[in-house]
Amino acid sequence: MCFNNTNYKKIYDTLNKTWSTEEELNEAVGSDCVADCIAILEKGNLIEEQWRMPKPGDKPLKEYKTTYSKFRANFQCSMTDLGDLLYISISDDEELRLIVDQVQLDVNGGNTSINDLARKHNVSPVFIKGLAKRMPHLDVRGQGLVQLDGTDR
């Protein structure tokens, strides 16, 4: 999701070079999507944060920088799971949106079990986990999904 949006990509590139606050990123990108991008990057453990020492009389601000500058993959999974994850990560298919909406309704209704949701929607548990990682207000915790309310930043 981060690399499929031009503004998100600019934010990531900026954070890859230097520590920046949300305000500095807003100025650099000229967009109001910085908070959403930071939330996505935090969810994927792709950025770290620290407090910037303020000038006397100012309050401290959080600043961010990317955690990793290189990617190496050494894993094994079925081609079906890999296909599902690639489909989820790059798709804007309307059928995918329908499943996302149904999963969100199920979680809001109290069904948070990844295996139960996978059976109900006739997909794999990896597919449900991939959806949760793509959805801004859901995350995977153990064998279930949890609602994120944005207060953890």
C-alpha atoms as a PDB file:
ATOM      1  CA  MET A   1       0.000   0.000   0.000  1.00  0.00           C
ATOM      2  CA  CYS A   2       2.802   2.386   0.830  1.00  0.00           C
ATOM      3  CA  PHE A   3       4.558   1.996  -2.508  1.00  0.00           C
ATOM      4  CA  ASN A   4       1.380   2.082  -4.610  1.00  0.00           C
ATOM      5  CA  ASN A   5       0.608   5.717  -3.656  1.00  0.00           C
ATOM      6  CA  THR A   6       2.836   8.531  -4.961  1.00  0.00           C
ATOM      7  CA  ASN A   7       2.570  10.649  -1.798  1.00  0.00           C
ATOM      8  CA  TYR A   8       3.199   7.664   0.491  1.00  0.00           C
ATOM      9  CA  LYS A   9       6.273   6.760  -1.597  1.00  0.00           C
ATOM     10  CA  LYS A  10       7.608  10.337  -1.255  1.00  0.00           C
ATOM     11  CA  ILE A  11       7.099  10.167   2.506  1.00  0.00           C
ATOM     12  CA  TYR A  12       8.907   6.836   2.698  1.00  0.00           C
ATOM     13  CA  ASP A  13      11.796   8.154   0.577  1.00  0.00           C
ATOM     14  CA  THR A  14      12.116  11.220   2.820  1.00  0.00           C
ATOM     15  CA  LEU A  15      12.116   9.073   5.958  1.00  0.00           C
ATOM     16  CA  ASN A  16      14.718   6.806   4.392  1.00  0.00           C
ATOM     17  CA  LYS A  17      17.113   9.785   4.217  1.00  0.00           C
ATOM     18  CA  THR A  18      16.520  11.683   7.455  1.00  0.00           C
ATOM     19  CA  TRP A  19      14.571  11.950  10.689  1.00  0.00           C
ATOM     20  CA  SER A  20      11.416  14.046  10.093  1.00  0.00           C
ATOM     21  CA  THR A  21       8.377  15.183  12.046  1.00  0.00           C
ATOM     22  CA  GLU A  22       4.820  15.012  10.694  1.00  0.00           C
ATOM     23  CA  GLU A  23       4.889  18.753  10.103  1.00  0.00           C
ATOM     24  CA  GLU A  24       8.120  18.529   8.106  1.00  0.00           C
ATOM     25  CA  LEU A  25       6.675  15.687   6.040  1.00  0.00           C
ATOM     26  CA  ASN A  26       3.507  17.706   5.362  1.00  0.00           C
ATOM     27  CA  GLU A  27       5.680  20.538   4.047  1.00  0.00           C
ATOM     28  CA  ALA A  28       7.855  18.215   1.961  1.00  0.00           C
ATOM     29  CA  VAL A  29       4.984  16.318   0.363  1.00  0.00           C
ATOM     30  CA  GLY A  30       2.344  19.041   0.344  1.00  0.00           C
ATOM     31  CA  SER A  31      -0.364  16.591   1.280  1.00  0.00           C
ATOM     32  CA  ASP A  32      -2.528  15.814   4.288  1.00  0.00           C
ATOM     33  CA  CYS A  33      -1.980  12.040   4.057  1.00  0.00           C
ATOM     34  CA  VAL A  34       1.119  11.977   6.289  1.00  0.00           C
ATOM     35  CA  ALA A  35      -0.667  10.665   9.395  1.00  0.00           C
ATOM     36  CA  ASP A  36      -2.247   7.821   7.391  1.00  0.00           C
ATOM     37  CA  CYS A  37       1.094   6.903   5.837  1.00  0.00           C
ATOM     38  CA  ILE A  38       2.845   6.912   9.217  1.00  0.00           C
ATOM     39  CA  ALA A  39       0.134   4.632  10.604  1.00  0.00           C
ATOM     40  CA  ILE A  40       0.647   2.181   7.721  1.00  0.00           C
ATOM     41  CA  LEU A  41       4.426   2.255   8.132  1.00  0.00           C
ATOM     42  CA  GLU A  42       4.134   1.727  11.900  1.00  0.00           C
ATOM     43  CA  LYS A  43       1.763  -1.172  11.368  1.00  0.00           C
ATOM     44  CA  GLY A  44       4.320  -2.811   9.080  1.00  0.00           C
ATOM     45  CA  ASN A  45       7.178  -2.079  11.507  1.00  0.00           C
ATOM     46  CA  LEU A  46       8.905  -0.070   8.778  1.00  0.00           C
ATOM     47  CA  ILE A  47       9.611   3.085  10.799  1.00  0.00           C
ATOM     48  CA  GLU A  48      10.937   3.981  14.205  1.00  0.00           C
ATOM     49  CA  GLU A  49      10.216   7.051  16.276  1.00  0.00           C
ATOM     50  CA  GLN A  50      12.004   9.186  18.810  1.00  0.00           C
ATOM     51  CA  TRP A  51      11.415  12.489  20.567  1.00  0.00           C
ATOM     52  CA  ARG A  52      13.135  15.544  19.117  1.00  0.00           C
ATOM     53  CA  MET A  53      14.625  17.875  21.694  1.00  0.00           C
ATOM     54  CA  PRO A  54      12.751  21.150  21.431  1.00  0.00           C
ATOM     55  CA  LYS A  55      14.021  24.695  21.538  1.00  0.00           C
ATOM     56  CA  PRO A  56      13.517  26.273  24.954  1.00  0.00           C
ATOM     57  CA  GLY A  57       9.818  26.964  25.503  1.00  0.00           C
ATOM     58  CA  ASP A  58       8.618  24.585  22.756  1.00  0.00           C
ATOM     59  CA  LYS A  59       7.124  21.177  23.316  1.00  0.00           C
ATOM     60  CA  PRO A  60       8.891  18.015  22.088  1.00  0.00           C
ATOM     61  CA  LEU A  61       7.760  16.441  18.813  1.00  0.00           C
ATOM     62  CA  LYS A  62       7.929  12.884  17.588  1.00  0.00           C
ATOM     63  CA  GLU A  63      10.160  12.344  14.608  1.00  0.00           C
ATOM     64  CA  TYR A  64      10.325   9.302  12.378  1.00  0.00           C
ATOM     65  CA  LYS A  65      12.829   7.442  10.219  1.00  0.00           C
ATOM     66  CA  THR A  66      12.676   4.192   8.312  1.00  0.00           C
ATOM     67  CA  THR A  67      13.830   1.137  10.208  1.00  0.00           C
ATOM     68  CA  TYR A  68      15.243  -0.821   7.287  1.00  0.00           C
ATOM     69  CA  SER A  69      17.109   0.301   4.191  1.00  0.00           C
ATOM     70  CA  LYS A  70      17.452  -3.133   2.569  1.00  0.00           C
ATOM     71  CA  PHE A  71      15.181  -6.113   2.055  1.00  0.00           C
ATOM     72  CA  ARG A  72      16.177  -9.742   2.116  1.00  0.00           C
ATOM     73  CA  ALA A  73      13.712 -12.594   1.956  1.00  0.00           C
ATOM     74  CA  ASN A  74      14.470 -16.123   3.008  1.00  0.00           C
ATOM     75  CA  PHE A  75      11.153 -17.849   3.523  1.00  0.00           C
ATOM     76  CA  GLN A  76       9.068 -20.639   2.153  1.00  0.00           C
ATOM     77  CA  CYS A  77       5.336 -20.665   1.529  1.00  0.00           C
ATOM     78  CA  SER A  78       2.917 -22.285  -0.848  1.00  0.00           C
ATOM     79  CA  MET A  79       2.410 -20.661  -4.235  1.00  0.00           C
ATOM     80  CA  THR A  80      -1.265 -20.271  -3.335  1.00  0.00           C
ATOM     81  CA  ASP A  81      -0.403 -18.235  -0.238  1.00  0.00           C
ATOM     82  CA  LEU A  82       2.145 -16.171  -2.179  1.00  0.00           C
ATOM     83  CA  GLY A  83      -0.442 -15.530  -4.888  1.00  0.00           C
ATOM     84  CA  ASP A  84      -3.002 -14.466  -2.280  1.00  0.00           C
ATOM     85  CA  LEU A  85      -0.563 -12.045  -0.644  1.00  0.00           C
ATOM     86  CA  LEU A  86       0.470 -10.499  -3.959  1.00  0.00           C
ATOM     87  CA  TYR A  87      -3.185 -10.166  -4.991  1.00  0.00           C
ATOM     88  CA  ILE A  88      -4.073  -8.465  -1.705  1.00  0.00           C
ATOM     89  CA  SER A  89      -1.108  -6.115  -1.788  1.00  0.00           C
ATOM     90  CA  ILE A  90      -1.612  -4.729  -5.301  1.00  0.00           C
ATOM     91  CA  SER A  91      -5.294  -5.225  -6.039  1.00  0.00           C
ATOM     92  CA  ASP A  92      -8.040  -2.640  -6.169  1.00  0.00           C
ATOM     93  CA  ASP A  93     -10.562  -5.248  -7.301  1.00  0.00           C
ATOM     94  CA  GLU A  94     -14.173  -4.649  -6.236  1.00  0.00           C
ATOM     95  CA  GLU A  95     -14.525  -8.285  -5.112  1.00  0.00           C
ATOM     96  CA  LEU A  96     -11.660  -7.739  -2.674  1.00  0.00           C
ATOM     97  CA  ARG A  97     -13.439  -4.647  -1.333  1.00  0.00           C
ATOM     98  CA  LEU A  98     -16.560  -6.732  -0.676  1.00  0.00           C
ATOM     99  CA  ILE A  99     -14.558  -9.263   1.364  1.00  0.00           C
ATOM    100  CA  VAL A 100     -12.836  -6.428   3.256  1.00  0.00           C
ATOM    101  CA  ASP A 101     -16.216  -4.895   4.122  1.00  0.00           C
ATOM    102  CA  GLN A 102     -17.611  -8.266   5.240  1.00  0.00           C
ATOM    103  CA  VAL A 103     -14.569  -9.011   7.413  1.00  0.00           C
ATOM    104  CA  GLN A 104     -14.823  -5.548   8.981  1.00  0.00           C
ATOM    105  CA  LEU A 105     -18.504  -6.185   9.790  1.00  0.00           C
ATOM    106  CA  ASP A 106     -17.655  -9.588  11.284  1.00  0.00           C
ATOM    107  CA  VAL A 107     -14.919  -8.133  13.487  1.00  0.00           C
ATOM    108  CA  ASN A 108     -17.217  -5.295  14.581  1.00  0.00           C
ATOM    109  CA  GLY A 109     -19.754  -7.999  15.459  1.00  0.00           C
ATOM    110  CA  GLY A 110     -17.265  -9.795  17.692  1.00  0.00           C
ATOM    111  CA  ASN A 111     -15.902 -12.530  15.408  1.00  0.00           C
ATOM    112  CA  THR A 112     -12.148 -11.929  15.580  1.00  0.00           C
ATOM    113  CA  SER A 113     -10.823 -15.470  15.041  1.00  0.00           C
ATOM    114  CA  ILE A 114      -8.678 -15.668  11.909  1.00  0.00           C
ATOM    115  CA  ASN A 115      -9.592 -19.320  11.343  1.00  0.00           C
ATOM    116  CA  ASP A 116     -13.340 -18.690  11.792  1.00  0.00           C
ATOM    117  CA  LEU A 117     -13.235 -15.749   9.377  1.00  0.00           C
ATOM    118  CA  ALA A 118     -11.267 -17.803   6.840  1.00  0.00           C
ATOM    119  CA  ARG A 119     -13.835 -20.621   6.980  1.00  0.00           C
ATOM    120  CA  LYS A 120     -16.765 -18.226   6.753  1.00  0.00           C
ATOM    121  CA  HIS A 121     -15.390 -16.440   3.681  1.00  0.00           C
ATOM    122  CA  ASN A 122     -13.915 -19.592   2.091  1.00  0.00           C
ATOM    123  CA  VAL A 123     -10.353 -18.255   1.991  1.00  0.00           C
ATOM    124  CA  SER A 124      -7.118 -19.209   3.734  1.00  0.00           C
ATOM    125  CA  PRO A 125      -6.019 -17.845   7.118  1.00  0.00           C
ATOM    126  CA  VAL A 126      -3.039 -16.238   5.324  1.00  0.00           C
ATOM    127  CA  PHE A 127      -5.536 -14.366   3.134  1.00  0.00           C
ATOM    128  CA  ILE A 128      -7.348 -13.005   6.228  1.00  0.00           C
ATOM    129  CA  LYS A 129      -4.029 -11.978   7.811  1.00  0.00           C
ATOM    130  CA  GLY A 130      -3.021 -10.224   4.590  1.00  0.00           C
ATOM    131  CA  LEU A 131      -6.336  -8.353   4.505  1.00  0.00           C
ATOM    132  CA  ALA A 132      -5.901  -7.271   8.110  1.00  0.00           C
ATOM    133  CA  LYS A 133      -2.422  -5.931   7.377  1.00  0.00           C
ATOM    134  CA  ARG A 134      -3.832  -3.932   4.461  1.00  0.00           C
ATOM    135  CA  MET A 135      -6.803  -2.542   6.388  1.00  0.00           C
ATOM    136  CA  PRO A 136      -5.855   0.607   8.318  1.00  0.00           C
ATOM    137  CA  HIS A 137      -8.052  -0.102  11.360  1.00  0.00           C
ATOM    138  CA  LEU A 138      -7.336  -3.829  11.829  1.00  0.00           C
ATOM    139  CA  ASP A 139      -4.245  -5.735  12.896  1.00  0.00           C
ATOM    140  CA  VAL A 140      -3.268  -9.319  13.672  1.00  0.00           C
ATOM    141  CA  ARG A 141      -2.641 -10.275  17.294  1.00  0.00           C
ATOM    142  CA  GLY A 142      -2.021 -13.940  17.934  1.00  0.00           C
ATOM    143  CA  GLN A 143      -4.788 -15.986  16.324  1.00  0.00           C
ATOM    144  CA  GLY A 144      -7.216 -13.083  16.068  1.00  0.00           C
ATOM    145  CA  LEU A 145      -7.819  -9.647  14.660  1.00  0.00           C
ATOM    146  CA  VAL A 146      -8.020  -6.460  16.730  1.00  0.00           C
ATOM    147  CA  GLN A 147      -9.470  -3.036  16.013  1.00  0.00           C
ATOM    148  CA  LEU A 148      -6.952  -0.192  16.017  1.00  0.00           C
ATOM    149  CA  ASP A 149      -8.333   3.112  17.237  1.00  0.00           C
ATOM    150  CA  GLY A 150      -5.344   5.326  16.412  1.00  0.00           C
ATOM    151  CA  THR A 151      -4.531   6.094  20.055  1.00  0.00           C
ATOM    152  CA  ASP A 152      -1.446   3.890  20.001  1.00  0.00           C
ATOM    153  CA  ARG A 153       0.614   6.560  18.223  1.00  0.00           C
END
